[in-house]
Amino acid sequence: MGESRYRPHPFSWVPGDGRRHAIGEARPPGGWPDEAEITALCGDDVHADNSTFAWFWPTCPDCNVAAHRLADVPMPTHPKHP
């Protein structure tokens, strides 16, 4: 019997090509191998970077919107400052 892991969201994050992208698959234990080609929710094919530093890259804005849609969570709104 396969081991099931807790998955709080219907997407996972994967750093690749200078940004943190979202995908609709579960993250494998230990992450994706470096340079694995992954199709992100934004439609880009990215090469995974499993380094610690890559998690500090900016989030892909298109993936962020798509991930919020998948999770059925509205995008946060920021108050406008005068």
PDB file of N, CA and C in Angstrom:
ATOM      1  N   MET A   1       0.846  -1.174   0.000  1.00  0.00           N
ATOM      2  CA  MET A   1       0.000   0.000   0.000  1.00  0.00           C
ATOM      3  C   MET A   1       0.894   1.242   0.000  1.00  0.00           C
ATOM      4  N   GLY A   2       0.578   2.222  -0.876  1.00  0.00           N
ATOM      5  CA  GLY A   2       1.374   3.434  -0.986  1.00  0.00           C
ATOM      6  C   GLY A   2       1.190   4.344   0.212  1.00  0.00           C
ATOM      7  N   GLU A   3       2.248   5.050   0.533  1.00  0.00           N
ATOM      8  CA  GLU A   3       2.206   5.975   1.654  1.00  0.00           C
ATOM      9  C   GLU A   3       1.570   7.279   1.197  1.00  0.00           C
ATOM     10  N   SER A   4       0.571   7.754   1.935  1.00  0.00           N
ATOM     11  CA  SER A   4      -0.030   9.036   1.563  1.00  0.00           C
ATOM     12  C   SER A   4       0.510  10.106   2.501  1.00  0.00           C
ATOM     13  N   ARG A   5       0.769  11.261   1.929  1.00  0.00           N
ATOM     14  CA  ARG A   5       1.302  12.380   2.700  1.00  0.00           C
ATOM     15  C   ARG A   5       0.241  13.453   2.805  1.00  0.00           C
ATOM     16  N   TYR A   6       0.256  14.161   3.913  1.00  0.00           N
ATOM     17  CA  TYR A   6      -0.654  15.278   4.102  1.00  0.00           C
ATOM     18  C   TYR A   6      -0.326  16.344   3.065  1.00  0.00           C
ATOM     19  N   ARG A   7      -1.346  16.831   2.405  1.00  0.00           N
ATOM     20  CA  ARG A   7      -1.176  17.854   1.365  1.00  0.00           C
ATOM     21  C   ARG A   7      -2.223  18.935   1.597  1.00  0.00           C
ATOM     22  N   PRO A   8      -1.849  20.035   2.259  1.00  0.00           N
ATOM     23  CA  PRO A   8      -2.834  21.054   2.624  1.00  0.00           C
ATOM     24  C   PRO A   8      -3.371  21.870   1.452  1.00  0.00           C
ATOM     25  N   HIS A   9      -2.671  21.857   0.326  1.00  0.00           N
ATOM     26  CA  HIS A   9      -3.082  22.654  -0.828  1.00  0.00           C
ATOM     27  C   HIS A   9      -3.087  21.787  -2.085  1.00  0.00           C
ATOM     28  N   PRO A  10      -3.904  22.144  -3.082  1.00  0.00           N
ATOM     29  CA  PRO A  10      -3.941  21.367  -4.330  1.00  0.00           C
ATOM     30  C   PRO A  10      -2.821  21.752  -5.305  1.00  0.00           C
ATOM     31  N   PHE A  11      -1.767  22.334  -4.801  1.00  0.00           N
ATOM     32  CA  PHE A  11      -0.622  22.733  -5.617  1.00  0.00           C
ATOM     33  C   PHE A  11       0.633  22.620  -4.761  1.00  0.00           C
ATOM     34  N   SER A  12       1.770  22.688  -5.412  1.00  0.00           N
ATOM     35  CA  SER A  12       3.063  22.693  -4.725  1.00  0.00           C
ATOM     36  C   SER A  12       3.933  23.766  -5.358  1.00  0.00           C
ATOM     37  N   TRP A  13       4.909  24.229  -4.610  1.00  0.00           N
ATOM     38  CA  TRP A  13       5.844  25.222  -5.124  1.00  0.00           C
ATOM     39  C   TRP A  13       7.131  24.541  -5.548  1.00  0.00           C
ATOM     40  N   VAL A  14       7.714  25.017  -6.612  1.00  0.00           N
ATOM     41  CA  VAL A  14       9.017  24.525  -7.076  1.00  0.00           C
ATOM     42  C   VAL A  14       9.815  25.712  -7.605  1.00  0.00           C
ATOM     43  N   PRO A  15      10.996  25.963  -7.035  1.00  0.00           N
ATOM     44  CA  PRO A  15      11.829  27.020  -7.591  1.00  0.00           C
ATOM     45  C   PRO A  15      12.439  26.563  -8.915  1.00  0.00           C
ATOM     46  N   GLY A  16      12.465  27.474  -9.860  1.00  0.00           N
ATOM     47  CA  GLY A  16      13.078  27.161 -11.142  1.00  0.00           C
ATOM     48  C   GLY A  16      13.216  28.395 -12.008  1.00  0.00           C
ATOM     49  N   ASP A  17      14.320  28.492 -12.683  1.00  0.00           N
ATOM     50  CA  ASP A  17      14.575  29.587 -13.624  1.00  0.00           C
ATOM     51  C   ASP A  17      14.381  30.967 -12.989  1.00  0.00           C
ATOM     52  N   GLY A  18      14.828  31.113 -11.744  1.00  0.00           N
ATOM     53  CA  GLY A  18      14.844  32.423 -11.096  1.00  0.00           C
ATOM     54  C   GLY A  18      13.586  32.846 -10.374  1.00  0.00           C
ATOM     55  N   ARG A  19      12.574  31.970 -10.318  1.00  0.00           N
ATOM     56  CA  ARG A  19      11.336  32.298  -9.594  1.00  0.00           C
ATOM     57  C   ARG A  19      10.801  31.049  -8.907  1.00  0.00           C
ATOM     58  N   ARG A  20       9.933  31.267  -7.915  1.00  0.00           N
ATOM     59  CA  ARG A  20       9.222  30.153  -7.291  1.00  0.00           C
ATOM     60  C   ARG A  20       7.919  29.978  -8.052  1.00  0.00           C
ATOM     61  N   HIS A  21       7.761  28.831  -8.677  1.00  0.00           N
ATOM     62  CA  HIS A  21       6.589  28.525  -9.489  1.00  0.00           C
ATOM     63  C   HIS A  21       5.693  27.532  -8.758  1.00  0.00           C
ATOM     64  N   ALA A  22       4.420  27.510  -9.132  1.00  0.00           N
ATOM     65  CA  ALA A  22       3.465  26.547  -8.578  1.00  0.00           C
ATOM     66  C   ALA A  22       3.144  25.503  -9.638  1.00  0.00           C
ATOM     67  N   ILE A  23       2.913  24.275  -9.174  1.00  0.00           N
ATOM     68  CA  ILE A  23       2.481  23.201 -10.063  1.00  0.00           C
ATOM     69  C   ILE A  23       1.327  22.464  -9.398  1.00  0.00           C
ATOM     70  N   GLY A  24       0.578  21.721 -10.166  1.00  0.00           N
ATOM     71  CA  GLY A  24      -0.581  21.004  -9.645  1.00  0.00           C
ATOM     72  C   GLY A  24      -0.261  19.638  -9.066  1.00  0.00           C
ATOM     73  N   GLU A  25       1.000  19.257  -9.041  1.00  0.00           N
ATOM     74  CA  GLU A  25       1.406  17.950  -8.529  1.00  0.00           C
ATOM     75  C   GLU A  25       1.913  18.065  -7.095  1.00  0.00           C
ATOM     76  N   ALA A  26       1.879  16.950  -6.380  1.00  0.00           N
ATOM     77  CA  ALA A  26       2.462  16.908  -5.044  1.00  0.00           C
ATOM     78  C   ALA A  26       3.986  16.955  -5.157  1.00  0.00           C
ATOM     79  N   ARG A  27       4.608  17.643  -4.230  1.00  0.00           N
ATOM     80  CA  ARG A  27       6.072  17.718  -4.190  1.00  0.00           C
ATOM     81  C   ARG A  27       6.610  16.361  -3.746  1.00  0.00           C
ATOM     82  N   PRO A  28       7.555  15.805  -4.486  1.00  0.00           N
ATOM     83  CA  PRO A  28       8.111  14.520  -4.069  1.00  0.00           C
ATOM     84  C   PRO A  28       8.981  14.687  -2.822  1.00  0.00           C
ATOM     85  N   PRO A  29       9.114  13.643  -2.012  1.00  0.00           N
ATOM     86  CA  PRO A  29       9.998  13.738  -0.843  1.00  0.00           C
ATOM     87  C   PRO A  29      11.397  14.185  -1.277  1.00  0.00           C
ATOM     88  N   GLY A  30      11.909  15.199  -0.631  1.00  0.00           N
ATOM     89  CA  GLY A  30      13.226  15.721  -0.988  1.00  0.00           C
ATOM     90  C   GLY A  30      13.211  16.715  -2.131  1.00  0.00           C
ATOM     91  N   GLY A  31      12.063  16.946  -2.734  1.00  0.00           N
ATOM     92  CA  GLY A  31      11.959  17.907  -3.833  1.00  0.00           C
ATOM     93  C   GLY A  31      12.287  17.287  -5.176  1.00  0.00           C
ATOM     94  N   TRP A  32      12.211  18.100  -6.200  1.00  0.00           N
ATOM     95  CA  TRP A  32      12.502  17.638  -7.558  1.00  0.00           C
ATOM     96  C   TRP A  32      14.009  17.644  -7.766  1.00  0.00           C
ATOM     97  N   PRO A  33      14.497  16.723  -8.569  1.00  0.00           N
ATOM     98  CA  PRO A  33      15.934  16.743  -8.868  1.00  0.00           C
ATOM     99  C   PRO A  33      16.295  18.037  -9.598  1.00  0.00           C
ATOM    100  N   ASP A  34      17.487  18.540  -9.321  1.00  0.00           N
ATOM    101  CA  ASP A  34      17.953  19.729 -10.035  1.00  0.00           C
ATOM    102  C   ASP A  34      17.864  19.507 -11.539  1.00  0.00           C
ATOM    103  N   GLU A  35      17.406  20.538 -12.210  1.00  0.00           N
ATOM    104  CA  GLU A  35      17.269  20.573 -13.670  1.00  0.00           C
ATOM    105  C   GLU A  35      16.106  19.745 -14.214  1.00  0.00           C
ATOM    106  N   ALA A  36      15.295  19.135 -13.344  1.00  0.00           N
ATOM    107  CA  ALA A  36      14.096  18.437 -13.839  1.00  0.00           C
ATOM    108  C   ALA A  36      13.199  19.468 -14.508  1.00  0.00           C
ATOM    109  N   GLU A  37      12.657  19.143 -15.677  1.00  0.00           N
ATOM    110  CA  GLU A  37      11.777  20.088 -16.371  1.00  0.00           C
ATOM    111  C   GLU A  37      10.352  19.887 -15.872  1.00  0.00           C
ATOM    112  N   ILE A  38       9.763  20.972 -15.401  1.00  0.00           N
ATOM    113  CA  ILE A  38       8.436  20.953 -14.799  1.00  0.00           C
ATOM    114  C   ILE A  38       7.582  21.993 -15.515  1.00  0.00           C
ATOM    115  N   THR A  39       6.339  21.669 -15.822  1.00  0.00           N
ATOM    116  CA  THR A  39       5.421  22.657 -16.390  1.00  0.00           C
ATOM    117  C   THR A  39       4.666  23.309 -15.240  1.00  0.00           C
ATOM    118  N   ALA A  40       4.869  24.608 -15.088  1.00  0.00           N
ATOM    119  CA  ALA A  40       4.264  25.367 -13.997  1.00  0.00           C
ATOM    120  C   ALA A  40       2.836  25.781 -14.353  1.00  0.00           C
ATOM    121  N   LEU A  41       2.088  26.205 -13.339  1.00  0.00           N
ATOM    122  CA  LEU A  41       0.707  26.644 -13.552  1.00  0.00           C
ATOM    123  C   LEU A  41       0.625  27.864 -14.462  1.00  0.00           C
ATOM    124  N   CYS A  42       1.709  28.630 -14.565  1.00  0.00           N
ATOM    125  CA  CYS A  42       1.731  29.794 -15.457  1.00  0.00           C
ATOM    126  C   CYS A  42       1.884  29.373 -16.920  1.00  0.00           C
ATOM    127  N   GLY A  43       2.189  28.088 -17.150  1.00  0.00           N
ATOM    128  CA  GLY A  43       2.375  27.591 -18.507  1.00  0.00           C
ATOM    129  C   GLY A  43       3.828  27.477 -18.925  1.00  0.00           C
ATOM    130  N   ASP A  44       4.742  28.028 -18.132  1.00  0.00           N
ATOM    131  CA  ASP A  44       6.166  27.948 -18.461  1.00  0.00           C
ATOM    132  C   ASP A  44       6.722  26.569 -18.118  1.00  0.00           C
ATOM    133  N   ASP A  45       7.644  26.096 -18.935  1.00  0.00           N
ATOM    134  CA  ASP A  45       8.428  24.905 -18.605  1.00  0.00           C
ATOM    135  C   ASP A  45       9.685  25.405 -17.912  1.00  0.00           C
ATOM    136  N   VAL A  46       9.854  25.038 -16.649  1.00  0.00           N
ATOM    137  CA  VAL A  46      10.979  25.534 -15.855  1.00  0.00           C
ATOM    138  C   VAL A  46      11.875  24.370 -15.446  1.00  0.00           C
ATOM    139  N   HIS A  47      13.122  24.697 -15.166  1.00  0.00           N
ATOM    140  CA  HIS A  47      14.091  23.704 -14.699  1.00  0.00           C
ATOM    141  C   HIS A  47      14.227  23.866 -13.189  1.00  0.00           C
ATOM    142  N   ALA A  48      13.889  22.814 -12.467  1.00  0.00           N
ATOM    143  CA  ALA A  48      13.882  22.859 -11.009  1.00  0.00           C
ATOM    144  C   ALA A  48      15.268  23.170 -10.455  1.00  0.00           C
ATOM    145  N   ASP A  49      15.266  23.906  -9.353  1.00  0.00           N
ATOM    146  CA  ASP A  49      16.489  24.190  -8.607  1.00  0.00           C
ATOM    147  C   ASP A  49      16.191  23.829  -7.159  1.00  0.00           C
ATOM    148  N   ASN A  50      16.800  22.784  -6.670  1.00  0.00           N
ATOM    149  CA  ASN A  50      16.507  22.264  -5.338  1.00  0.00           C
ATOM    150  C   ASN A  50      17.412  22.867  -4.262  1.00  0.00           C
ATOM    151  N   SER A  51      18.064  23.987  -4.562  1.00  0.00           N
ATOM    152  CA  SER A  51      18.958  24.610  -3.587  1.00  0.00           C
ATOM    153  C   SER A  51      18.160  25.407  -2.557  1.00  0.00           C
ATOM    154  N   THR A  52      18.752  25.597  -1.402  1.00  0.00           N
ATOM    155  CA  THR A  52      18.115  26.406  -0.357  1.00  0.00           C
ATOM    156  C   THR A  52      17.927  27.840  -0.838  1.00  0.00           C
ATOM    157  N   PHE A  53      18.920  28.377  -1.506  1.00  0.00           N
ATOM    158  CA  PHE A  53      18.870  29.762  -1.985  1.00  0.00           C
ATOM    159  C   PHE A  53      17.675  30.006  -2.906  1.00  0.00           C
ATOM    160  N   ALA A  54      17.330  29.022  -3.728  1.00  0.00           N
ATOM    161  CA  ALA A  54      16.251  29.194  -4.711  1.00  0.00           C
ATOM    162  C   ALA A  54      14.906  29.484  -4.052  1.00  0.00           C
ATOM    163  N   TRP A  55      14.714  29.043  -2.817  1.00  0.00           N
ATOM    164  CA  TRP A  55      13.440  29.305  -2.131  1.00  0.00           C
ATOM    165  C   TRP A  55      13.273  30.779  -1.769  1.00  0.00           C
ATOM    166  N   PHE A  56      14.343  31.552  -1.881  1.00  0.00           N
ATOM    167  CA  PHE A  56      14.276  32.991  -1.614  1.00  0.00           C
ATOM    168  C   PHE A  56      13.975  33.801  -2.872  1.00  0.00           C
ATOM    169  N   TRP A  57      13.893  33.144  -4.018  1.00  0.00           N
ATOM    170  CA  TRP A  57      13.565  33.845  -5.253  1.00  0.00           C
ATOM    171  C   TRP A  57      12.149  34.400  -5.176  1.00  0.00           C
ATOM    172  N   PRO A  58      11.834  35.422  -5.981  1.00  0.00           N
ATOM    173  CA  PRO A  58      10.466  35.957  -5.986  1.00  0.00           C
ATOM    174  C   PRO A  58       9.473  34.937  -6.551  1.00  0.00           C
ATOM    175  N   THR A  59       8.244  35.060  -6.111  1.00  0.00           N
ATOM    176  CA  THR A  59       7.166  34.190  -6.587  1.00  0.00           C
ATOM    177  C   THR A  59       6.711  34.639  -7.969  1.00  0.00           C
ATOM    178  N   CYS A  60       6.503  33.692  -8.856  1.00  0.00           N
ATOM    179  CA  CYS A  60       5.942  33.985 -10.176  1.00  0.00           C
ATOM    180  C   CYS A  60       4.520  34.515  -9.965  1.00  0.00           C
ATOM    181  N   PRO A  61       4.222  35.744 -10.401  1.00  0.00           N
ATOM    182  CA  PRO A  61       2.891  36.304 -10.153  1.00  0.00           C
ATOM    183  C   PRO A  61       1.763  35.521 -10.827  1.00  0.00           C
ATOM    184  N   ASP A  62       2.001  34.986 -12.021  1.00  0.00           N
ATOM    185  CA  ASP A  62       0.955  34.212 -12.702  1.00  0.00           C
ATOM    186  C   ASP A  62       0.688  32.893 -11.983  1.00  0.00           C
ATOM    187  N   CYS A  63       1.738  32.256 -11.480  1.00  0.00           N
ATOM    188  CA  CYS A  63       1.552  31.027 -10.698  1.00  0.00           C
ATOM    189  C   CYS A  63       0.817  31.326  -9.393  1.00  0.00           C
ATOM    190  N   ASN A  64       1.121  32.460  -8.790  1.00  0.00           N
ATOM    191  CA  ASN A  64       0.463  32.827  -7.540  1.00  0.00           C
ATOM    192  C   ASN A  64      -1.047  32.954  -7.741  1.00  0.00           C
ATOM    193  N   VAL A  65      -1.450  33.624  -8.809  1.00  0.00           N
ATOM    194  CA  VAL A  65      -2.877  33.774  -9.118  1.00  0.00           C
ATOM    195  C   VAL A  65      -3.507  32.406  -9.371  1.00  0.00           C
ATOM    196  N   ALA A  66      -2.836  31.573 -10.170  1.00  0.00           N
ATOM    197  CA  ALA A  66      -3.368  30.243 -10.492  1.00  0.00           C
ATOM    198  C   ALA A  66      -3.461  29.364  -9.248  1.00  0.00           C
ATOM    199  N   ALA A  67      -2.480  29.451  -8.362  1.00  0.00           N
ATOM    200  CA  ALA A  67      -2.497  28.655  -7.131  1.00  0.00           C
ATOM    201  C   ALA A  67      -3.654  29.078  -6.230  1.00  0.00           C
ATOM    202  N   HIS A  68      -3.897  30.370  -6.132  1.00  0.00           N
ATOM    203  CA  HIS A  68      -5.032  30.847  -5.335  1.00  0.00           C
ATOM    204  C   HIS A  68      -6.351  30.341  -5.919  1.00  0.00           C
ATOM    205  N   ARG A  69      -6.452  30.346  -7.246  1.00  0.00           N
ATOM    206  CA  ARG A  69      -7.671  29.826  -7.892  1.00  0.00           C
ATOM    207  C   ARG A  69      -7.864  28.344  -7.580  1.00  0.00           C
ATOM    208  N   LEU A  70      -6.794  27.557  -7.715  1.00  0.00           N
ATOM    209  CA  LEU A  70      -6.877  26.118  -7.431  1.00  0.00           C
ATOM    210  C   LEU A  70      -7.324  25.854  -5.995  1.00  0.00           C
ATOM    211  N   ALA A  71      -6.819  26.654  -5.074  1.00  0.00           N
ATOM    212  CA  ALA A  71      -7.153  26.479  -3.659  1.00  0.00           C
ATOM    213  C   ALA A  71      -8.486  27.125  -3.301  1.00  0.00           C
ATOM    214  N   ASP A  72      -9.090  27.811  -4.268  1.00  0.00           N
ATOM    215  CA  ASP A  72     -10.346  28.522  -4.040  1.00  0.00           C
ATOM    216  C   ASP A  72     -10.213  29.536  -2.898  1.00  0.00           C
ATOM    217  N   VAL A  73      -9.092  30.257  -2.942  1.00  0.00           N
ATOM    218  CA  VAL A  73      -8.792  31.285  -1.947  1.00  0.00           C
ATOM    219  C   VAL A  73      -8.590  32.596  -2.697  1.00  0.00           C
ATOM    220  N   PRO A  74      -9.287  33.662  -2.296  1.00  0.00           N
ATOM    221  CA  PRO A  74      -9.115  34.928  -3.016  1.00  0.00           C
ATOM    222  C   PRO A  74      -7.711  35.494  -2.822  1.00  0.00           C
ATOM    223  N   MET A  75      -7.250  36.205  -3.816  1.00  0.00           N
ATOM    224  CA  MET A  75      -5.963  36.894  -3.703  1.00  0.00           C
ATOM    225  C   MET A  75      -6.095  37.985  -2.646  1.00  0.00           C
ATOM    226  N   PRO A  76      -5.062  38.171  -1.827  1.00  0.00           N
ATOM    227  CA  PRO A  76      -5.132  39.234  -0.823  1.00  0.00           C
ATOM    228  C   PRO A  76      -5.152  40.601  -1.493  1.00  0.00           C
ATOM    229  N   THR A  77      -5.859  41.500  -0.883  1.00  0.00           N
ATOM    230  CA  THR A  77      -5.862  42.878  -1.373  1.00  0.00           C
ATOM    231  C   THR A  77      -5.069  43.713  -0.384  1.00  0.00           C
ATOM    232  N   HIS A  78      -4.324  44.637  -0.913  1.00  0.00           N
ATOM    233  CA  HIS A  78      -3.496  45.486  -0.068  1.00  0.00           C
ATOM    234  C   HIS A  78      -4.169  46.851   0.032  1.00  0.00           C
ATOM    235  N   PRO A  79      -4.265  47.383   1.248  1.00  0.00           N
ATOM    236  CA  PRO A  79      -4.891  48.703   1.383  1.00  0.00           C
ATOM    237  C   PRO A  79      -4.083  49.756   0.635  1.00  0.00           C
ATOM    238  N   LYS A  80      -4.800  50.683   0.045  1.00  0.00           N
ATOM    239  CA  LYS A  80      -4.135  51.768  -0.677  1.00  0.00           C
ATOM    240  C   LYS A  80      -3.753  52.848   0.323  1.00  0.00           C
ATOM    241  N   HIS A  81      -2.546  53.323   0.173  1.00  0.00           N
ATOM    242  CA  HIS A  81      -2.065  54.388   1.049  1.00  0.00           C
ATOM    243  C   HIS A  81      -2.218  55.718   0.327  1.00  0.00           C
ATOM    244  N   PRO A  82      -2.673  56.733   1.057  1.00  0.00           N
ATOM    245  CA  PRO A  82      -2.839  58.053   0.410  1.00  0.00           C
ATOM    246  C   PRO A  82      -1.536  58.666  -0.022  1.00  0.00           C
TER     247      PRO A  82
END
